[in-house]
């Protein structure tokens, strides 16, 4: 193909070009799919942000008694967390 480079360099160049072509095609496929598949705002996939809590009756070591001030501070902290 090229008289000034060796056969190994030509093979390496061909492999590099094929890898670049596959990468560009994959990127184009990802971008094309993202244009048309917009999830609904309320529909969330995956794991919940805060997992469901087990009841305190499962094990006595899993419950903590809070004072009234601690409960109010915790409630205020939870209100400051974003929902998304």
PDB file of N, CA and C in Angstrom:
ATOM      1  N   UNK A   1       0.828  -1.176   0.000  1.00  0.00           N
ATOM      2  CA  UNK A   1       0.000   0.000   0.000  1.00  0.00           C
ATOM      3  C   UNK A   1       0.883   1.254   0.000  1.00  0.00           C
ATOM      4  N   UNK A   2       1.632   1.473   1.089  1.00  0.00           N
ATOM      5  CA  UNK A   2       2.575   2.582   1.141  1.00  0.00           C
ATOM      6  C   UNK A   2       3.982   2.000   1.046  1.00  0.00           C
ATOM      7  N   UNK A   3       4.782   2.450   0.105  1.00  0.00           N
ATOM      8  CA  UNK A   3       6.116   1.858  -0.041  1.00  0.00           C
ATOM      9  C   UNK A   3       7.087   2.260   1.071  1.00  0.00           C
ATOM     10  N   UNK A   4       6.800   3.324   1.803  1.00  0.00           N
ATOM     11  CA  UNK A   4       7.763   3.805   2.781  1.00  0.00           C
ATOM     12  C   UNK A   4       7.543   3.244   4.194  1.00  0.00           C
ATOM     13  N   UNK A   5       6.469   2.487   4.439  1.00  0.00           N
ATOM     14  CA  UNK A   5       6.246   1.923   5.770  1.00  0.00           C
ATOM     15  C   UNK A   5       6.199   0.409   5.682  1.00  0.00           C
ATOM     16  N   UNK A   6       6.474  -0.243   6.794  1.00  0.00           N
ATOM     17  CA  UNK A   6       6.534  -1.704   6.807  1.00  0.00           C
ATOM     18  C   UNK A   6       5.125  -2.292   6.834  1.00  0.00           C
ATOM     19  N   UNK A   7       5.068  -3.615   6.645  1.00  0.00           N
ATOM     20  CA  UNK A   7       3.794  -4.324   6.651  1.00  0.00           C
ATOM     21  C   UNK A   7       3.136  -4.237   8.034  1.00  0.00           C
ATOM     22  N   UNK A   8       3.924  -4.326   9.113  1.00  0.00           N
ATOM     23  CA  UNK A   8       3.375  -4.233  10.455  1.00  0.00           C
ATOM     24  C   UNK A   8       2.751  -2.855  10.700  1.00  0.00           C
ATOM     25  N   UNK A   9       3.373  -1.821  10.187  1.00  0.00           N
ATOM     26  CA  UNK A   9       2.815  -0.480  10.342  1.00  0.00           C
ATOM     27  C   UNK A   9       1.527  -0.320   9.538  1.00  0.00           C
ATOM     28  N   UNK A  10       1.473  -0.933   8.358  1.00  0.00           N
ATOM     29  CA  UNK A  10       0.250  -0.887   7.555  1.00  0.00           C
ATOM     30  C   UNK A  10      -0.892  -1.610   8.269  1.00  0.00           C
ATOM     31  N   UNK A  11      -0.597  -2.757   8.882  1.00  0.00           N
ATOM     32  CA  UNK A  11      -1.619  -3.499   9.623  1.00  0.00           C
ATOM     33  C   UNK A  11      -2.083  -2.681  10.831  1.00  0.00           C
ATOM     34  N   UNK A  12      -1.132  -2.065  11.535  1.00  0.00           N
ATOM     35  CA  UNK A  12      -1.493  -1.226  12.670  1.00  0.00           C
ATOM     36  C   UNK A  12      -2.357  -0.047  12.258  1.00  0.00           C
ATOM     37  N   UNK A  13      -2.039   0.561  11.132  1.00  0.00           N
ATOM     38  CA  UNK A  13      -2.832   1.673  10.627  1.00  0.00           C
ATOM     39  C   UNK A  13      -4.242   1.213  10.262  1.00  0.00           C
ATOM     40  N   UNK A  14      -4.370   0.048   9.649  1.00  0.00           N
ATOM     41  CA  UNK A  14      -5.686  -0.478   9.289  1.00  0.00           C
ATOM     42  C   UNK A  14      -6.512  -0.775  10.544  1.00  0.00           C
ATOM     43  N   UNK A  15      -5.879  -1.374  11.564  1.00  0.00           N
ATOM     44  CA  UNK A  15      -6.590  -1.667  12.809  1.00  0.00           C
ATOM     45  C   UNK A  15      -7.035  -0.362  13.483  1.00  0.00           C
ATOM     46  N   UNK A  16      -6.179   0.628  13.490  1.00  0.00           N
ATOM     47  CA  UNK A  16      -6.517   1.919  14.074  1.00  0.00           C
ATOM     48  C   UNK A  16      -7.686   2.575  13.339  1.00  0.00           C
ATOM     49  N   UNK A  17      -7.682   2.525  12.033  1.00  0.00           N
ATOM     50  CA  UNK A  17      -8.779   3.105  11.261  1.00  0.00           C
ATOM     51  C   UNK A  17     -10.092   2.369  11.508  1.00  0.00           C
ATOM     52  N   UNK A  18     -10.035   1.039  11.599  1.00  0.00           N
ATOM     53  CA  UNK A  18     -11.250   0.266  11.875  1.00  0.00           C
ATOM     54  C   UNK A  18     -11.775   0.589  13.269  1.00  0.00           C
ATOM     55  N   UNK A  19     -10.888   0.697  14.259  1.00  0.00           N
ATOM     56  CA  UNK A  19     -11.310   1.028  15.625  1.00  0.00           C
ATOM     57  C   UNK A  19     -11.931   2.426  15.656  1.00  0.00           C
ATOM     58  N   UNK A  20     -11.357   3.381  14.941  1.00  0.00           N
ATOM     59  CA  UNK A  20     -11.917   4.730  14.904  1.00  0.00           C
ATOM     60  C   UNK A  20     -13.290   4.732  14.232  1.00  0.00           C
ATOM     61  N   UNK A  21     -13.455   3.954  13.186  1.00  0.00           N
ATOM     62  CA  UNK A  21     -14.736   3.867  12.499  1.00  0.00           C
ATOM     63  C   UNK A  21     -15.806   3.255  13.404  1.00  0.00           C
ATOM     64  N   UNK A  22     -15.446   2.191  14.131  1.00  0.00           N
ATOM     65  CA  UNK A  22     -16.392   1.565  15.055  1.00  0.00           C
ATOM     66  C   UNK A  22     -16.771   2.541  16.160  1.00  0.00           C
ATOM     67  N   UNK A  23     -15.803   3.301  16.668  1.00  0.00           N
ATOM     68  CA  UNK A  23     -16.089   4.276  17.724  1.00  0.00           C
ATOM     69  C   UNK A  23     -17.040   5.360  17.223  1.00  0.00           C
ATOM     70  N   UNK A  24     -16.790   5.868  16.018  1.00  0.00           N
ATOM     71  CA  UNK A  24     -17.648   6.923  15.461  1.00  0.00           C
ATOM     72  C   UNK A  24     -19.057   6.389  15.221  1.00  0.00           C
ATOM     73  N   UNK A  25     -19.168   5.180  14.715  1.00  0.00           N
ATOM     74  CA  UNK A  25     -20.495   4.600  14.495  1.00  0.00           C
ATOM     75  C   UNK A  25     -21.228   4.369  15.818  1.00  0.00           C
ATOM     76  N   UNK A  26     -20.524   3.904  16.834  1.00  0.00           N
ATOM     77  CA  UNK A  26     -21.145   3.705  18.137  1.00  0.00           C
ATOM     78  C   UNK A  26     -21.587   5.014  18.763  1.00  0.00           C
ATOM     79  N   UNK A  27     -20.765   6.042  18.661  1.00  0.00           N
ATOM     80  CA  UNK A  27     -21.125   7.353  19.186  1.00  0.00           C
ATOM     81  C   UNK A  27     -22.342   7.910  18.450  1.00  0.00           C
ATOM     82  N   UNK A  28     -22.364   7.756  17.136  1.00  0.00           N
ATOM     83  CA  UNK A  28     -23.516   8.218  16.355  1.00  0.00           C
ATOM     84  C   UNK A  28     -24.783   7.476  16.735  1.00  0.00           C
ATOM     85  N   UNK A  29     -24.654   6.170  16.975  1.00  0.00           N
ATOM     86  CA  UNK A  29     -25.813   5.368  17.387  1.00  0.00           C
ATOM     87  C   UNK A  29     -26.329   5.830  18.748  1.00  0.00           C
ATOM     88  N   UNK A  30     -25.427   6.089  19.693  1.00  0.00           N
ATOM     89  CA  UNK A  30     -25.844   6.565  21.014  1.00  0.00           C
ATOM     90  C   UNK A  30     -26.540   7.920  20.910  1.00  0.00           C
ATOM     91  N   UNK A  31     -25.979   8.826  20.138  1.00  0.00           N
ATOM     92  CA  UNK A  31     -26.572  10.150  20.003  1.00  0.00           C
ATOM     93  C   UNK A  31     -27.911  10.081  19.286  1.00  0.00           C
ATOM     94  N   UNK A  32     -28.020   9.221  18.282  1.00  0.00           N
ATOM     95  CA  UNK A  32     -29.271   9.061  17.541  1.00  0.00           C
ATOM     96  C   UNK A  32     -30.362   8.518  18.459  1.00  0.00           C
ATOM     97  N   UNK A  33     -30.028   7.530  19.290  1.00  0.00           N
ATOM     98  CA  UNK A  33     -31.006   6.969  20.221  1.00  0.00           C
ATOM     99  C   UNK A  33     -31.432   7.987  21.264  1.00  0.00           C
ATOM    100  N   UNK A  34     -30.513   8.813  21.732  1.00  0.00           N
ATOM    101  CA  UNK A  34     -30.859   9.771  22.776  1.00  0.00           C
ATOM    102  C   UNK A  34     -31.740  10.893  22.242  1.00  0.00           C
ATOM    103  N   UNK A  35     -31.754  11.109  20.942  1.00  0.00           N
ATOM    104  CA  UNK A  35     -32.612  12.147  20.374  1.00  0.00           C
ATOM    105  C   UNK A  35     -34.077  11.772  20.444  1.00  0.00           C
ATOM    106  N   UNK A  36     -34.388  10.481  20.346  1.00  0.00           N
ATOM    107  CA  UNK A  36     -35.767  10.061  20.214  1.00  0.00           C
ATOM    108  C   UNK A  36     -36.330   9.362  21.441  1.00  0.00           C
ATOM    109  N   UNK A  37     -35.518   9.013  22.408  1.00  0.00           N
ATOM    110  CA  UNK A  37     -35.986   8.277  23.572  1.00  0.00           C
ATOM    111  C   UNK A  37     -35.836   9.139  24.820  1.00  0.00           C
ATOM    112  N   UNK A  38     -36.791  10.031  25.017  1.00  0.00           N
ATOM    113  CA  UNK A  38     -36.782  10.880  26.207  1.00  0.00           C
ATOM    114  C   UNK A  38     -37.758  10.288  27.208  1.00  0.00           C
ATOM    115  N   UNK A  39     -37.288   9.897  28.390  1.00  0.00           N
ATOM    116  CA  UNK A  39     -38.220   9.355  29.384  1.00  0.00           C
ATOM    117  C   UNK A  39     -39.146  10.449  29.895  1.00  0.00           C
ATOM    118  N   UNK A  40     -40.329  10.025  30.325  1.00  0.00           N
ATOM    119  CA  UNK A  40     -41.266  10.981  30.890  1.00  0.00           C
ATOM    120  C   UNK A  40     -40.692  11.543  32.182  1.00  0.00           C
ATOM    121  N   UNK A  41     -41.019  12.777  32.528  1.00  0.00           N
ATOM    122  CA  UNK A  41     -40.439  13.374  33.741  1.00  0.00           C
ATOM    123  C   UNK A  41     -40.727  12.580  35.002  1.00  0.00           C
ATOM    124  N   UNK A  42     -41.896  11.954  35.105  1.00  0.00           N
ATOM    125  CA  UNK A  42     -42.233  11.203  36.308  1.00  0.00           C
ATOM    126  C   UNK A  42     -41.680   9.793  36.308  1.00  0.00           C
ATOM    127  N   UNK A  43     -41.313   9.275  35.146  1.00  0.00           N
ATOM    128  CA  UNK A  43     -40.833   7.891  35.049  1.00  0.00           C
ATOM    129  C   UNK A  43     -39.341   7.850  35.323  1.00  0.00           C
ATOM    130  N   UNK A  44     -38.959   7.197  36.407  1.00  0.00           N
ATOM    131  CA  UNK A  44     -37.548   7.077  36.765  1.00  0.00           C
ATOM    132  C   UNK A  44     -37.164   5.606  36.730  1.00  0.00           C
ATOM    133  N   UNK A  45     -36.018   5.342  36.183  1.00  0.00           N
ATOM    134  CA  UNK A  45     -35.519   3.979  36.136  1.00  0.00           C
ATOM    135  C   UNK A  45     -34.376   3.835  37.122  1.00  0.00           C
ATOM    136  N   UNK A  46     -34.122   2.611  37.520  1.00  0.00           N
ATOM    137  CA  UNK A  46     -32.979   2.362  38.378  1.00  0.00           C
ATOM    138  C   UNK A  46     -33.355   2.323  39.846  1.00  0.00           C
ATOM    139  N   UNK A  47     -32.372   2.528  40.662  1.00  0.00           N
ATOM    140  CA  UNK A  47     -32.521   2.431  42.106  1.00  0.00           C
ATOM    141  C   UNK A  47     -33.103   3.727  42.649  1.00  0.00           C
ATOM    142  N   UNK A  48     -33.938   3.615  43.656  1.00  0.00           N
ATOM    143  CA  UNK A  48     -34.486   4.806  44.294  1.00  0.00           C
ATOM    144  C   UNK A  48     -33.369   5.570  44.987  1.00  0.00           C
ATOM    145  N   UNK A  49     -33.540   6.859  45.133  1.00  0.00           N
ATOM    146  CA  UNK A  49     -32.512   7.692  45.756  1.00  0.00           C
ATOM    147  C   UNK A  49     -32.327   7.279  47.212  1.00  0.00           C
ATOM    148  N   UNK A  50     -33.406   7.155  47.925  1.00  0.00           N
ATOM    149  CA  UNK A  50     -33.347   6.709  49.309  1.00  0.00           C
ATOM    150  C   UNK A  50     -34.095   5.380  49.377  1.00  0.00           C
ATOM    151  N   UNK A  51     -33.427   4.295  49.728  1.00  0.00           N
ATOM    152  CA  UNK A  51     -34.106   2.989  49.731  1.00  0.00           C
ATOM    153  C   UNK A  51     -35.185   2.929  50.805  1.00  0.00           C
ATOM    154  N   UNK A  52     -36.117   2.027  50.597  1.00  0.00           N
ATOM    155  CA  UNK A  52     -37.188   1.846  51.571  1.00  0.00           C
ATOM    156  C   UNK A  52     -36.596   1.351  52.886  1.00  0.00           C
ATOM    157  N   UNK A  53     -37.098   1.880  53.962  1.00  0.00           N
ATOM    158  CA  UNK A  53     -36.576   1.531  55.277  1.00  0.00           C
ATOM    159  C   UNK A  53     -37.311   0.327  55.838  1.00  0.00           C
ATOM    160  N   UNK A  54     -36.570  -0.513  56.528  1.00  0.00           N
ATOM    161  CA  UNK A  54     -37.185  -1.636  57.217  1.00  0.00           C
ATOM    162  C   UNK A  54     -37.827  -1.135  58.497  1.00  0.00           C
ATOM    163  N   UNK A  55     -38.772  -1.879  58.988  1.00  0.00           N
ATOM    164  CA  UNK A  55     -39.423  -1.437  60.227  1.00  0.00           C
ATOM    165  C   UNK A  55     -38.482  -1.651  61.400  1.00  0.00           C
ATOM    166  N   UNK A  56     -38.709  -0.907  62.463  1.00  0.00           N
ATOM    167  CA  UNK A  56     -37.857  -1.001  63.646  1.00  0.00           C
ATOM    168  C   UNK A  56     -38.069  -2.322  64.377  1.00  0.00           C
ATOM    169  N   UNK A  57     -39.133  -3.027  64.045  1.00  0.00           N
ATOM    170  CA  UNK A  57     -39.420  -4.285  64.731  1.00  0.00           C
ATOM    171  C   UNK A  57     -38.545  -5.435  64.242  1.00  0.00           C
ATOM    172  N   UNK A  58     -37.743  -5.239  63.206  1.00  0.00           N
ATOM    173  CA  UNK A  58     -36.930  -6.332  62.682  1.00  0.00           C
ATOM    174  C   UNK A  58     -35.823  -6.715  63.654  1.00  0.00           C
ATOM    175  N   UNK A  59     -35.186  -5.748  64.247  1.00  0.00           N
ATOM    176  CA  UNK A  59     -34.114  -6.031  65.195  1.00  0.00           C
ATOM    177  C   UNK A  59     -34.025  -4.862  66.168  1.00  0.00           C
ATOM    178  N   UNK A  60     -33.893  -5.127  67.460  1.00  0.00           N
ATOM    179  CA  UNK A  60     -33.871  -4.013  68.414  1.00  0.00           C
ATOM    180  C   UNK A  60     -32.664  -3.089  68.266  1.00  0.00           C
ATOM    181  N   UNK A  61     -31.570  -3.563  67.682  1.00  0.00           N
ATOM    182  CA  UNK A  61     -30.383  -2.724  67.523  1.00  0.00           C
ATOM    183  C   UNK A  61     -30.519  -1.755  66.350  1.00  0.00           C
ATOM    184  N   UNK A  62     -31.567  -1.888  65.545  1.00  0.00           N
ATOM    185  CA  UNK A  62     -31.730  -1.033  64.378  1.00  0.00           C
ATOM    186  C   UNK A  62     -32.586   0.196  64.661  1.00  0.00           C
ATOM    187  N   UNK A  63     -32.978   0.420  65.886  1.00  0.00           N
ATOM    188  CA  UNK A  63     -33.784   1.595  66.195  1.00  0.00           C
ATOM    189  C   UNK A  63     -33.011   2.505  67.157  1.00  0.00           C
ATOM    190  N   UNK A  64     -33.236   3.793  66.994  1.00  0.00           N
ATOM    191  CA  UNK A  64     -32.572   4.789  67.831  1.00  0.00           C
ATOM    192  C   UNK A  64     -33.653   5.715  68.374  1.00  0.00           C
ATOM    193  N   UNK A  65     -33.620   5.958  69.641  1.00  0.00           N
ATOM    194  CA  UNK A  65     -34.575   6.877  70.259  1.00  0.00           C
ATOM    195  C   UNK A  65     -34.012   8.299  70.143  1.00  0.00           C
ATOM    196  N   UNK A  66     -34.791   9.185  69.536  1.00  0.00           N
ATOM    197  CA  UNK A  66     -34.364  10.567  69.353  1.00  0.00           C
ATOM    198  C   UNK A  66     -35.132  11.470  70.302  1.00  0.00           C
ATOM    199  N   UNK A  67     -34.473  12.532  70.711  1.00  0.00           N
ATOM    200  CA  UNK A  67     -35.162  13.534  71.511  1.00  0.00           C
ATOM    201  C   UNK A  67     -36.024  14.386  70.578  1.00  0.00           C
ATOM    202  N   UNK A  68     -36.883  15.191  71.149  1.00  0.00           N
ATOM    203  CA  UNK A  68     -37.757  16.052  70.339  1.00  0.00           C
ATOM    204  C   UNK A  68     -36.923  17.025  69.505  1.00  0.00           C
ATOM    205  N   UNK A  69     -35.854  17.574  70.067  1.00  0.00           N
ATOM    206  CA  UNK A  69     -34.997  18.505  69.329  1.00  0.00           C
ATOM    207  C   UNK A  69     -34.287  17.798  68.178  1.00  0.00           C
ATOM    208  N   UNK A  70     -33.865  16.563  68.394  1.00  0.00           N
ATOM    209  CA  UNK A  70     -33.206  15.802  67.324  1.00  0.00           C
ATOM    210  C   UNK A  70     -34.187  15.482  66.206  1.00  0.00           C
ATOM    211  N   UNK A  71     -35.416  15.136  66.561  1.00  0.00           N
ATOM    212  CA  UNK A  71     -36.423  14.861  65.539  1.00  0.00           C
ATOM    213  C   UNK A  71     -36.720  16.106  64.715  1.00  0.00           C
ATOM    214  N   UNK A  72     -36.825  17.247  65.344  1.00  0.00           N
ATOM    215  CA  UNK A  72     -37.079  18.491  64.620  1.00  0.00           C
ATOM    216  C   UNK A  72     -35.898  18.860  63.732  1.00  0.00           C
ATOM    217  N   UNK A  73     -34.679  18.668  64.221  1.00  0.00           N
ATOM    218  CA  UNK A  73     -33.489  18.960  63.418  1.00  0.00           C
ATOM    219  C   UNK A  73     -33.419  18.027  62.211  1.00  0.00           C
ATOM    220  N   UNK A  74     -33.742  16.757  62.419  1.00  0.00           N
ATOM    221  CA  UNK A  74     -33.725  15.795  61.317  1.00  0.00           C
ATOM    222  C   UNK A  74     -34.797  16.139  60.288  1.00  0.00           C
ATOM    223  N   UNK A  75     -35.986  16.513  60.745  1.00  0.00           N
ATOM    224  CA  UNK A  75     -37.058  16.900  59.825  1.00  0.00           C
ATOM    225  C   UNK A  75     -36.647  18.131  59.012  1.00  0.00           C
ATOM    226  N   UNK A  76     -35.987  19.091  59.649  1.00  0.00           N
ATOM    227  CA  UNK A  76     -35.507  20.261  58.917  1.00  0.00           C
ATOM    228  C   UNK A  76     -34.451  19.897  57.890  1.00  0.00           C
ATOM    229  N   UNK A  77     -33.587  18.964  58.230  1.00  0.00           N
ATOM    230  CA  UNK A  77     -32.562  18.509  57.290  1.00  0.00           C
ATOM    231  C   UNK A  77     -33.196  17.824  56.088  1.00  0.00           C
ATOM    232  N   UNK A  78     -34.178  16.977  56.322  1.00  0.00           N
ATOM    233  CA  UNK A  78     -34.840  16.262  55.228  1.00  0.00           C
ATOM    234  C   UNK A  78     -35.551  17.259  54.299  1.00  0.00           C
ATOM    235  N   UNK A  79     -36.134  18.320  54.854  1.00  0.00           N
ATOM    236  CA  UNK A  79     -36.816  19.306  54.020  1.00  0.00           C
ATOM    237  C   UNK A  79     -35.839  20.050  53.119  1.00  0.00           C
ATOM    238  N   UNK A  80     -34.565  20.130  53.474  1.00  0.00           N
ATOM    239  CA  UNK A  80     -33.592  20.848  52.645  1.00  0.00           C
ATOM    240  C   UNK A  80     -33.042  20.001  51.507  1.00  0.00           C
ATOM    241  N   UNK A  81     -33.257  18.676  51.535  1.00  0.00           N
ATOM    242  CA  UNK A  81     -32.734  17.807  50.478  1.00  0.00           C
ATOM    243  C   UNK A  81     -33.529  18.002  49.192  1.00  0.00           C
ATOM    244  N   UNK A  82     -32.864  18.033  48.039  1.00  0.00           N
ATOM    245  CA  UNK A  82     -33.599  18.152  46.766  1.00  0.00           C
ATOM    246  C   UNK A  82     -34.316  16.839  46.464  1.00  0.00           C
ATOM    247  N   UNK A  83     -35.406  16.939  45.725  1.00  0.00           N
ATOM    248  CA  UNK A  83     -36.189  15.751  45.404  1.00  0.00           C
ATOM    249  C   UNK A  83     -35.634  14.997  44.203  1.00  0.00           C
ATOM    250  N   UNK A  84     -34.743  15.566  43.452  1.00  0.00           N
ATOM    251  CA  UNK A  84     -34.239  14.902  42.239  1.00  0.00           C
ATOM    252  C   UNK A  84     -32.856  14.375  42.489  1.00  0.00           C
TER     253      UNK A  84
END
